[in-house]
Every structure is written in C-alpha cells, then in structure tokens.
Amino acid sequence: MIWLLSKHQTTYAGKKTNMFADNSARLGLTINRGESKVFKTNAFNNTTITVQGEALDEEDCFTNFGSILYNQEGGDADVRARIGEARAAFHQLKNT
C-alpha cells in the first residue's frame, strides 16, 4: 500500500493513518508495514508517518498506470515521458 500525501494532508496524516489502522483492526485486518510506503508531493512538513508506532518508508518516485511522479518535480517527469512516447510513435509513422 502506498499513502499519497499532498502538502496540505501531512499535518493530519499521522492521526488519519492510526485511525485507519485501528478501524481495520476492528474488522480483523492488519496493515503490512513492510509493504506500506509514503509518497509526499511538494511536502514542506517533514513529519514521519507512523502506523502503530513504526515509521513508514518514504518513496521518491511513484508510478501508477503509466504516470510517473517524483516528490520534488511533480508531474514534469510524466509529461517528458509522454512526449518521448509520442515522438517515438510519430517516428515510426514517418518510416512507413
């Protein structure tokens, strides 16, 4: 599981993740803290997100359905990747 947090959400993220873990435990579900990661975009708050007392690892890059996001660049890398794919497609059309 990857937690996506914007700069506005990091303030309450610790409370929300603990509430989520508590409610999940009531249903008999557990959060795999080894598989859970945190991805912050343009976050100025360096608060560590914990679940049940253990800090979650932070990711620098997130890829989902072909979209690439970096925590500092935002969507710029995704736009560059898509432009590169379009160039390659047009180059193939040019050769036919």
Protein backbone atom coordinates (compact mmCIF):
# COMPACT_ATOMS: atom_id res chain seq x y z
CA MET A 1 0.00 0.00 0.00
CA ILE A 2 1.31 3.46 -0.82
CA TRP A 3 -0.01 6.51 1.01
CA LEU A 4 -0.14 9.57 -1.27
CA LEU A 5 0.07 12.82 0.65
CA SER A 6 -0.03 16.41 -0.54
CA LYS A 7 1.45 19.29 1.43
CA HIS A 8 -1.97 20.02 2.97
CA GLN A 9 -2.50 16.47 4.21
CA THR A 10 0.76 15.82 6.08
CA THR A 11 -0.40 17.66 9.22
CA TYR A 12 -3.17 15.19 9.98
CA ALA A 13 -1.67 12.17 8.22
CA GLY A 14 -0.38 10.56 11.41
CA LYS A 15 -3.79 10.77 13.04
CA LYS A 16 -5.55 9.50 9.93
CA THR A 17 -3.24 6.52 9.46
CA ASN A 18 -3.61 5.47 13.10
CA MET A 19 -7.41 5.81 12.86
CA PHE A 20 -7.31 3.72 9.67
CA ALA A 21 -5.19 1.05 11.39
CA ASP A 22 -7.49 0.97 14.43
CA ASN A 23 -10.64 0.67 12.33
CA SER A 24 -9.02 -2.02 10.17
CA ALA A 25 -8.05 -3.98 13.29
CA ARG A 26 -11.68 -3.94 14.44
CA LEU A 27 -12.56 -5.76 11.23
CA GLY A 28 -9.72 -8.22 11.67
CA LEU A 29 -7.47 -6.61 9.05
CA THR A 30 -3.87 -5.59 9.57
CA ILE A 31 -1.65 -3.14 7.71
CA ASN A 32 1.56 -4.70 6.42
CA ARG A 33 4.02 -2.02 7.49
CA GLY A 34 6.82 -3.63 5.48
CA GLU A 35 4.83 -3.20 2.27
CA SER A 36 3.40 0.24 3.09
CA LYS A 37 5.20 3.32 1.76
CA VAL A 38 4.61 7.06 1.94
CA PHE A 39 4.87 9.35 -1.10
CA LYS A 40 4.83 13.08 -0.39
CA THR A 41 4.46 15.62 -3.20
CA ASN A 42 5.85 19.11 -2.57
CA ALA A 43 5.56 18.50 1.17
CA PHE A 44 7.21 21.14 3.32
CA ASN A 45 6.39 19.28 6.52
CA ASN A 46 8.93 16.52 7.19
CA THR A 47 6.72 14.73 9.70
CA THR A 48 7.37 11.00 9.81
CA ILE A 49 4.23 8.96 9.24
CA THR A 50 3.87 6.06 11.66
CA VAL A 51 1.44 3.17 11.88
CA GLN A 52 1.13 1.59 15.31
CA GLY A 53 4.43 3.15 16.41
CA GLU A 54 6.52 2.11 13.39
CA ALA A 55 7.69 4.68 10.85
CA LEU A 56 6.74 4.04 7.22
CA ASP A 57 9.39 4.30 4.49
CA GLU A 58 9.18 7.26 2.11
CA GLU A 59 9.31 6.88 -1.67
CA ASP A 60 10.94 9.38 -4.06
CA CYS A 61 9.12 8.15 -7.18
CA PHE A 62 5.63 6.78 -7.75
CA THR A 63 4.38 5.06 -10.92
CA ASN A 64 0.73 4.20 -11.41
CA PHE A 65 -0.99 3.25 -14.67
CA GLY A 66 1.87 4.71 -16.71
CA SER A 67 2.03 8.01 -14.84
CA ILE A 68 5.35 8.86 -13.19
CA LEU A 69 5.53 11.28 -10.27
CA TYR A 70 8.59 12.47 -8.37
CA ASN A 71 8.23 14.08 -4.98
CA GLN A 72 10.14 17.25 -5.98
CA GLU A 73 9.30 17.61 -9.68
CA GLY A 74 5.61 16.80 -9.52
CA GLY A 75 4.28 15.78 -12.94
CA ASP A 76 7.15 17.16 -15.06
CA ALA A 77 8.78 13.75 -15.45
CA ASP A 78 5.46 12.25 -16.52
CA VAL A 79 4.99 14.92 -19.19
CA ARG A 80 8.53 14.38 -20.52
CA ALA A 81 7.97 10.60 -20.65
CA ARG A 82 4.70 11.00 -22.56
CA ILE A 83 6.28 13.43 -25.04
CA GLY A 84 9.05 10.88 -25.62
CA GLU A 85 6.47 8.16 -26.30
CA ALA A 86 4.65 10.42 -28.77
CA ARG A 87 7.91 11.23 -30.57
CA ALA A 88 8.68 7.53 -30.91
CA ALA A 89 5.20 6.84 -32.30
CA PHE A 90 5.47 9.65 -34.87
CA HIS A 91 8.94 8.48 -35.84
CA GLN A 92 7.54 5.02 -36.60
CA LEU A 93 4.78 6.57 -38.74
CA LYS A 94 7.35 8.60 -40.65
CA ASN A 95 9.19 5.44 -41.71
CA THR A 96 6.10 3.81 -43.25
